[in-house]
PDB file of N, CA and C in Angstrom:
ATOM      1  N   MET A   1     -14.200   6.699 -18.814  1.00  0.00           N
ATOM      2  CA  MET A   1     -13.181   6.269 -17.908  1.00  0.00           C
ATOM      3  C   MET A   1     -13.877   5.720 -16.666  1.00  0.00           C
ATOM      4  N   SER A   2     -13.324   4.638 -16.159  1.00  0.00           N
ATOM      5  CA  SER A   2     -13.882   4.014 -14.975  1.00  0.00           C
ATOM      6  C   SER A   2     -12.763   3.489 -14.097  1.00  0.00           C
ATOM      7  N   TYR A   3     -12.885   3.734 -12.805  1.00  0.00           N
ATOM      8  CA  TYR A   3     -11.942   3.192 -11.841  1.00  0.00           C
ATOM      9  C   TYR A   3     -12.767   2.497 -10.777  1.00  0.00           C
ATOM     10  N   GLY A   4     -12.629   1.185 -10.706  1.00  0.00           N
ATOM     11  CA  GLY A   4     -13.437   0.446  -9.752  1.00  0.00           C
ATOM     12  C   GLY A   4     -12.854  -0.914  -9.446  1.00  0.00           C
ATOM     13  N   ALA A   5     -13.584  -1.667  -8.674  1.00  0.00           N
ATOM     14  CA  ALA A   5     -13.126  -2.990  -8.257  1.00  0.00           C
ATOM     15  C   ALA A   5     -12.966  -3.901  -9.467  1.00  0.00           C
ATOM     16  N   ASP A   6     -11.962  -4.756  -9.414  1.00  0.00           N
ATOM     17  CA  ASP A   6     -11.708  -5.740 -10.460  1.00  0.00           C
ATOM     18  C   ASP A   6     -12.699  -6.890 -10.249  1.00  0.00           C
ATOM     19  N   TYR A   7     -13.662  -7.030 -11.176  1.00  0.00           N
ATOM     20  CA  TYR A   7     -14.721  -8.023 -11.005  1.00  0.00           C
ATOM     21  C   TYR A   7     -14.203  -9.454 -11.026  1.00  0.00           C
ATOM     22  N   ASN A   8     -13.181  -9.743 -11.809  1.00  0.00           N
ATOM     23  CA  ASN A   8     -12.629 -11.103 -11.812  1.00  0.00           C
ATOM     24  C   ASN A   8     -12.128 -11.471 -10.419  1.00  0.00           C
ATOM     25  N   ASP A   9     -11.459 -10.548  -9.768  1.00  0.00           N
ATOM     26  CA  ASP A   9     -10.969 -10.794  -8.417  1.00  0.00           C
ATOM     27  C   ASP A   9     -12.135 -10.941  -7.439  1.00  0.00           C
ATOM     28  N   LEU A  10     -13.178 -10.127  -7.590  1.00  0.00           N
ATOM     29  CA  LEU A  10     -14.346 -10.225  -6.711  1.00  0.00           C
ATOM     30  C   LEU A  10     -15.022 -11.588  -6.820  1.00  0.00           C
ATOM     31  N   PHE A  11     -15.172 -12.084  -8.046  1.00  0.00           N
ATOM     32  CA  PHE A  11     -15.819 -13.384  -8.241  1.00  0.00           C
ATOM     33  C   PHE A  11     -14.965 -14.504  -7.661  1.00  0.00           C
ATOM     34  N   ARG A  12     -13.661 -14.401  -7.823  1.00  0.00           N
ATOM     35  CA  ARG A  12     -12.748 -15.409  -7.289  1.00  0.00           C
ATOM     36  C   ARG A  12     -12.843 -15.452  -5.761  1.00  0.00           C
ATOM     37  N   ARG A  13     -12.865 -14.285  -5.149  1.00  0.00           N
ATOM     38  CA  ARG A  13     -12.946 -14.215  -3.691  1.00  0.00           C
ATOM     39  C   ARG A  13     -14.330 -14.630  -3.193  1.00  0.00           C
ATOM     40  N   ALA A  14     -15.373 -14.360  -3.973  1.00  0.00           N
ATOM     41  CA  ALA A  14     -16.721 -14.780  -3.589  1.00  0.00           C
ATOM     42  C   ALA A  14     -16.811 -16.303  -3.566  1.00  0.00           C
ATOM     43  N   ALA A  15     -16.142 -16.960  -4.505  1.00  0.00           N
ATOM     44  CA  ALA A  15     -16.143 -18.418  -4.535  1.00  0.00           C
ATOM     45  C   ALA A  15     -15.502 -18.978  -3.269  1.00  0.00           C
ATOM     46  N   ALA A  16     -14.426 -18.370  -2.817  1.00  0.00           N
ATOM     47  CA  ALA A  16     -13.777 -18.822  -1.581  1.00  0.00           C
ATOM     48  C   ALA A  16     -14.700 -18.590  -0.384  1.00  0.00           C
ATOM     49  N   TYR A  17     -15.428 -17.504  -0.403  1.00  0.00           N
ATOM     50  CA  TYR A  17     -16.378 -17.180   0.663  1.00  0.00           C
ATOM     51  C   TYR A  17     -17.493 -18.226   0.720  1.00  0.00           C
ATOM     52  N   VAL A  18     -18.036 -18.574  -0.442  1.00  0.00           N
ATOM     53  CA  VAL A  18     -19.096 -19.581  -0.528  1.00  0.00           C
ATOM     54  C   VAL A  18     -18.560 -20.935  -0.071  1.00  0.00           C
ATOM     55  N   ASP A  19     -17.322 -21.244  -0.443  1.00  0.00           N
ATOM     56  CA  ASP A  19     -16.705 -22.500  -0.032  1.00  0.00           C
ATOM     57  C   ASP A  19     -16.655 -22.614   1.492  1.00  0.00           C
ATOM     58  N   LYS A  20     -16.316 -21.527   2.156  1.00  0.00           N
ATOM     59  CA  LYS A  20     -16.273 -21.531   3.625  1.00  0.00           C
ATOM     60  C   LYS A  20     -17.660 -21.822   4.208  1.00  0.00           C
ATOM     61  N   ILE A  21     -18.682 -21.239   3.611  1.00  0.00           N
ATOM     62  CA  ILE A  21     -20.049 -21.447   4.086  1.00  0.00           C
ATOM     63  C   ILE A  21     -20.484 -22.892   3.851  1.00  0.00           C
ATOM     64  N   LEU A  22     -20.157 -23.427   2.677  1.00  0.00           N
ATOM     65  CA  LEU A  22     -20.533 -24.805   2.377  1.00  0.00           C
ATOM     66  C   LEU A  22     -19.787 -25.811   3.255  1.00  0.00           C
ATOM     67  N   ARG A  23     -18.641 -25.419   3.760  1.00  0.00           N
ATOM     68  CA  ARG A  23     -17.876 -26.304   4.644  1.00  0.00           C
ATOM     69  C   ARG A  23     -18.317 -26.173   6.108  1.00  0.00           C
ATOM     70  N   GLY A  24     -19.342 -25.349   6.363  1.00  0.00           N
ATOM     71  CA  GLY A  24     -19.918 -25.308   7.692  1.00  0.00           C
ATOM     72  C   GLY A  24     -19.753 -24.006   8.455  1.00  0.00           C
ATOM     73  N   ALA A  25     -19.049 -23.044   7.913  1.00  0.00           N
ATOM     74  CA  ALA A  25     -18.893 -21.766   8.613  1.00  0.00           C
ATOM     75  C   ALA A  25     -20.227 -21.020   8.611  1.00  0.00           C
ATOM     76  N   LYS A  26     -20.503 -20.364   9.699  1.00  0.00           N
ATOM     77  CA  LYS A  26     -21.725 -19.566   9.787  1.00  0.00           C
ATOM     78  C   LYS A  26     -21.474 -18.223   9.097  1.00  0.00           C
ATOM     79  N   PRO A  27     -22.358 -17.805   8.211  1.00  0.00           N
ATOM     80  CA  PRO A  27     -22.158 -16.532   7.502  1.00  0.00           C
ATOM     81  C   PRO A  27     -21.984 -15.342   8.441  1.00  0.00           C
ATOM     82  N   GLU A  28     -22.678 -15.357   9.585  1.00  0.00           N
ATOM     83  CA  GLU A  28     -22.559 -14.213  10.497  1.00  0.00           C
ATOM     84  C   GLU A  28     -21.197 -14.158  11.182  1.00  0.00           C
ATOM     85  N   ASP A  29     -20.453 -15.268  11.167  1.00  0.00           N
ATOM     86  CA  ASP A  29     -19.118 -15.286  11.764  1.00  0.00           C
ATOM     87  C   ASP A  29     -18.021 -14.848  10.798  1.00  0.00           C
ATOM     88  N   LEU A  30     -18.357 -14.792   9.504  1.00  0.00           N
ATOM     89  CA  LEU A  30     -17.358 -14.413   8.492  1.00  0.00           C
ATOM     90  C   LEU A  30     -17.257 -12.892   8.397  1.00  0.00           C
ATOM     91  N   PRO A  31     -16.055 -12.383   8.217  1.00  0.00           N
ATOM     92  CA  PRO A  31     -15.906 -10.931   8.099  1.00  0.00           C
ATOM     93  C   PRO A  31     -16.413 -10.425   6.742  1.00  0.00           C
ATOM     94  N   VAL A  32     -16.817  -9.180   6.727  1.00  0.00           N
ATOM     95  CA  VAL A  32     -17.197  -8.533   5.474  1.00  0.00           C
ATOM     96  C   VAL A  32     -15.921  -8.256   4.703  1.00  0.00           C
ATOM     97  N   GLU A  33     -15.897  -8.685   3.452  1.00  0.00           N
ATOM     98  CA  GLU A  33     -14.697  -8.488   2.648  1.00  0.00           C
ATOM     99  C   GLU A  33     -14.898  -7.320   1.697  1.00  0.00           C
ATOM    100  N   GLN A  34     -13.835  -6.578   1.504  1.00  0.00           N
ATOM    101  CA  GLN A  34     -13.865  -5.452   0.583  1.00  0.00           C
ATOM    102  C   GLN A  34     -12.892  -5.705  -0.555  1.00  0.00           C
ATOM    103  N   PRO A  35     -13.085  -5.035  -1.681  1.00  0.00           N
ATOM    104  CA  PRO A  35     -12.188  -5.246  -2.817  1.00  0.00           C
ATOM    105  C   PRO A  35     -10.735  -4.926  -2.458  1.00  0.00           C
ATOM    106  N   ILE A  36      -9.840  -5.698  -3.054  1.00  0.00           N
ATOM    107  CA  ILE A  36      -8.410  -5.480  -2.848  1.00  0.00           C
ATOM    108  C   ILE A  36      -7.782  -4.876  -4.099  1.00  0.00           C
ATOM    109  N   SER A  37      -8.179  -5.391  -5.254  1.00  0.00           N
ATOM    110  CA  SER A  37      -7.583  -4.879  -6.496  1.00  0.00           C
ATOM    111  C   SER A  37      -8.613  -4.055  -7.268  1.00  0.00           C
ATOM    112  N   PHE A  38      -8.120  -3.030  -7.918  1.00  0.00           N
ATOM    113  CA  PHE A  38      -8.950  -2.109  -8.682  1.00  0.00           C
ATOM    114  C   PHE A  38      -8.431  -2.014 -10.108  1.00  0.00           C
ATOM    115  N   ALA A  39      -9.297  -1.613 -11.021  1.00  0.00           N
ATOM    116  CA  ALA A  39      -8.913  -1.516 -12.425  1.00  0.00           C
ATOM    117  C   ALA A  39      -9.312  -0.151 -12.983  1.00  0.00           C
ATOM    118  N   LEU A  40      -8.431   0.394 -13.814  1.00  0.00           N
ATOM    119  CA  LEU A  40      -8.707   1.640 -14.536  1.00  0.00           C
ATOM    120  C   LEU A  40      -8.970   1.270 -15.985  1.00  0.00           C
ATOM    121  N   VAL A  41     -10.173   1.582 -16.468  1.00  0.00           N
ATOM    122  CA  VAL A  41     -10.565   1.275 -17.841  1.00  0.00           C
ATOM    123  C   VAL A  41     -10.876   2.591 -18.551  1.00  0.00           C
ATOM    124  N   ILE A  42     -10.297   2.752 -19.738  1.00  0.00           N
ATOM    125  CA  ILE A  42     -10.507   3.976 -20.523  1.00  0.00           C
ATOM    126  C   ILE A  42     -11.099   3.601 -21.873  1.00  0.00           C
ATOM    127  N   ASN A  43     -12.188   4.258 -22.245  1.00  0.00           N
ATOM    128  CA  ASN A  43     -12.835   4.026 -23.524  1.00  0.00           C
ATOM    129  C   ASN A  43     -12.442   5.171 -24.464  1.00  0.00           C
ATOM    130  N   LEU A  44     -11.526   4.878 -25.376  1.00  0.00           N
ATOM    131  CA  LEU A  44     -11.041   5.912 -26.293  1.00  0.00           C
ATOM    132  C   LEU A  44     -12.091   6.323 -27.318  1.00  0.00           C
ATOM    133  N   THR A  45     -12.963   5.399 -27.707  1.00  0.00           N
ATOM    134  CA  THR A  45     -14.008   5.722 -28.678  1.00  0.00           C
ATOM    135  C   THR A  45     -14.940   6.790 -28.115  1.00  0.00           C
ATOM    136  N   THR A  46     -15.345   6.625 -26.880  1.00  0.00           N
ATOM    137  CA  THR A  46     -16.225   7.596 -26.231  1.00  0.00           C
ATOM    138  C   THR A  46     -15.499   8.918 -26.003  1.00  0.00           C
ATOM    139  N   ALA A  47     -14.245   8.838 -25.597  1.00  0.00           N
ATOM    140  CA  ALA A  47     -13.467  10.060 -25.376  1.00  0.00           C
ATOM    141  C   ALA A  47     -13.351  10.857 -26.673  1.00  0.00           C
ATOM    142  N   LYS A  48     -13.119  10.164 -27.776  1.00  0.00           N
ATOM    143  CA  LYS A  48     -13.005  10.840 -29.079  1.00  0.00           C
ATOM    144  C   LYS A  48     -14.337  11.476 -29.465  1.00  0.00           C
ATOM    145  N   ALA A  49     -15.449  10.755 -29.219  1.00  0.00           N
ATOM    146  CA  ALA A  49     -16.773  11.283 -29.551  1.00  0.00           C
ATOM    147  C   ALA A  49     -17.102  12.525 -28.720  1.00  0.00           C
ATOM    148  N   LEU A  50     -16.565  12.598 -27.505  1.00  0.00           N
ATOM    149  CA  LEU A  50     -16.784  13.764 -26.649  1.00  0.00           C
ATOM    150  C   LEU A  50     -15.776  14.871 -26.905  1.00  0.00           C
ATOM    151  N   GLY A  51     -14.806  14.595 -27.761  1.00  0.00           N
ATOM    152  CA  GLY A  51     -13.794  15.598 -28.066  1.00  0.00           C
ATOM    153  C   GLY A  51     -12.721  15.705 -26.999  1.00  0.00           C
ATOM    154  N   LEU A  52     -12.513  14.634 -26.248  1.00  0.00           N
ATOM    155  CA  LEU A  52     -11.508  14.635 -25.183  1.00  0.00           C
ATOM    156  C   LEU A  52     -10.226  13.968 -25.664  1.00  0.00           C
ATOM    157  N   GLU A  53      -9.118  14.492 -25.214  1.00  0.00           N
ATOM    158  CA  GLU A  53      -7.836  13.875 -25.513  1.00  0.00           C
ATOM    159  C   GLU A  53      -7.266  13.338 -24.208  1.00  0.00           C
ATOM    160  N   ILE A  54      -7.019  12.049 -24.184  1.00  0.00           N
ATOM    161  CA  ILE A  54      -6.499  11.397 -22.985  1.00  0.00           C
ATOM    162  C   ILE A  54      -4.973  11.421 -23.050  1.00  0.00           C
ATOM    163  N   PRO A  55      -4.302  11.927 -22.020  1.00  0.00           N
ATOM    164  CA  PRO A  55      -2.841  11.969 -22.014  1.00  0.00           C
ATOM    165  C   PRO A  55      -2.222  10.569 -22.115  1.00  0.00           C
ATOM    166  N   ALA A  56      -1.105  10.482 -22.806  1.00  0.00           N
ATOM    167  CA  ALA A  56      -0.428   9.204 -23.010  1.00  0.00           C
ATOM    168  C   ALA A  56      -0.030   8.559 -21.680  1.00  0.00           C
ATOM    169  N   MET A  57       0.341   9.365 -20.704  1.00  0.00           N
ATOM    170  CA  MET A  57       0.740   8.832 -19.403  1.00  0.00           C
ATOM    171  C   MET A  57      -0.435   8.114 -18.729  1.00  0.00           C
ATOM    172  N   LEU A  58      -1.639   8.657 -18.869  1.00  0.00           N
ATOM    173  CA  LEU A  58      -2.824   8.026 -18.294  1.00  0.00           C
ATOM    174  C   LEU A  58      -3.157   6.737 -19.041  1.00  0.00           C
ATOM    175  N   LEU A  59      -3.014   6.744 -20.350  1.00  0.00           N
ATOM    176  CA  LEU A  59      -3.252   5.535 -21.138  1.00  0.00           C
ATOM    177  C   LEU A  59      -2.269   4.433 -20.764  1.00  0.00           C
ATOM    178  N   ALA A  60      -1.029   4.811 -20.472  1.00  0.00           N
ATOM    179  CA  ALA A  60      -0.008   3.825 -20.094  1.00  0.00           C
ATOM    180  C   ALA A  60      -0.339   3.183 -18.747  1.00  0.00           C
ATOM    181  N   ARG A  61      -0.978   3.921 -17.865  1.00  0.00           N
ATOM    182  CA  ARG A  61      -1.298   3.412 -16.530  1.00  0.00           C
ATOM    183  C   ARG A  61      -2.604   2.605 -16.500  1.00  0.00           C
ATOM    184  N   ALA A  62      -3.406   2.702 -17.549  1.00  0.00           N
ATOM    185  CA  ALA A  62      -4.709   2.029 -17.590  1.00  0.00           C
ATOM    186  C   ALA A  62      -4.519   0.510 -17.625  1.00  0.00           C
ATOM    187  N   ASP A  63      -5.434  -0.194 -16.950  1.00  0.00           N
ATOM    188  CA  ASP A  63      -5.421  -1.650 -16.978  1.00  0.00           C
ATOM    189  C   ASP A  63      -6.034  -2.172 -18.276  1.00  0.00           C
ATOM    190  N   GLU A  64      -6.989  -1.410 -18.823  1.00  0.00           N
ATOM    191  CA  GLU A  64      -7.639  -1.801 -20.068  1.00  0.00           C
ATOM    192  C   GLU A  64      -7.989  -0.539 -20.858  1.00  0.00           C
ATOM    193  N   VAL A  65      -7.711  -0.576 -22.153  1.00  0.00           N
ATOM    194  CA  VAL A  65      -8.052   0.548 -23.038  1.00  0.00           C
ATOM    195  C   VAL A  65      -8.971  -0.002 -24.118  1.00  0.00           C
ATOM    196  N   ILE A  66     -10.166   0.559 -24.218  1.00  0.00           N
ATOM    197  CA  ILE A  66     -11.135   0.144 -25.234  1.00  0.00           C
ATOM    198  C   ILE A  66     -10.997   1.103 -26.403  1.00  0.00           C
ATOM    199  N   GLU A  67     -10.740   0.525 -27.578  1.00  0.00           N
ATOM    200  CA  GLU A  67     -10.550   1.371 -28.773  1.00  0.00           C
ATOM    201  C   GLU A  67     -11.693   1.255 -29.723  1.00  0.00           C
TER     202      GLU A  67
END
């Protein structure tokens, strides 16, 4: 199980950040950006191998389930 920043969103926002720099903004003038969206990923294969049972409610809330 993993809960962390959504990498697709991070890459999209990084592109906008680079665009600002290429258009002449000074990097030191730009604010530090933090992740906005997060993703919950559950690996059922690993959970089964460890003998863990993941509740259905948690599986329903997951952004991605690896089987």
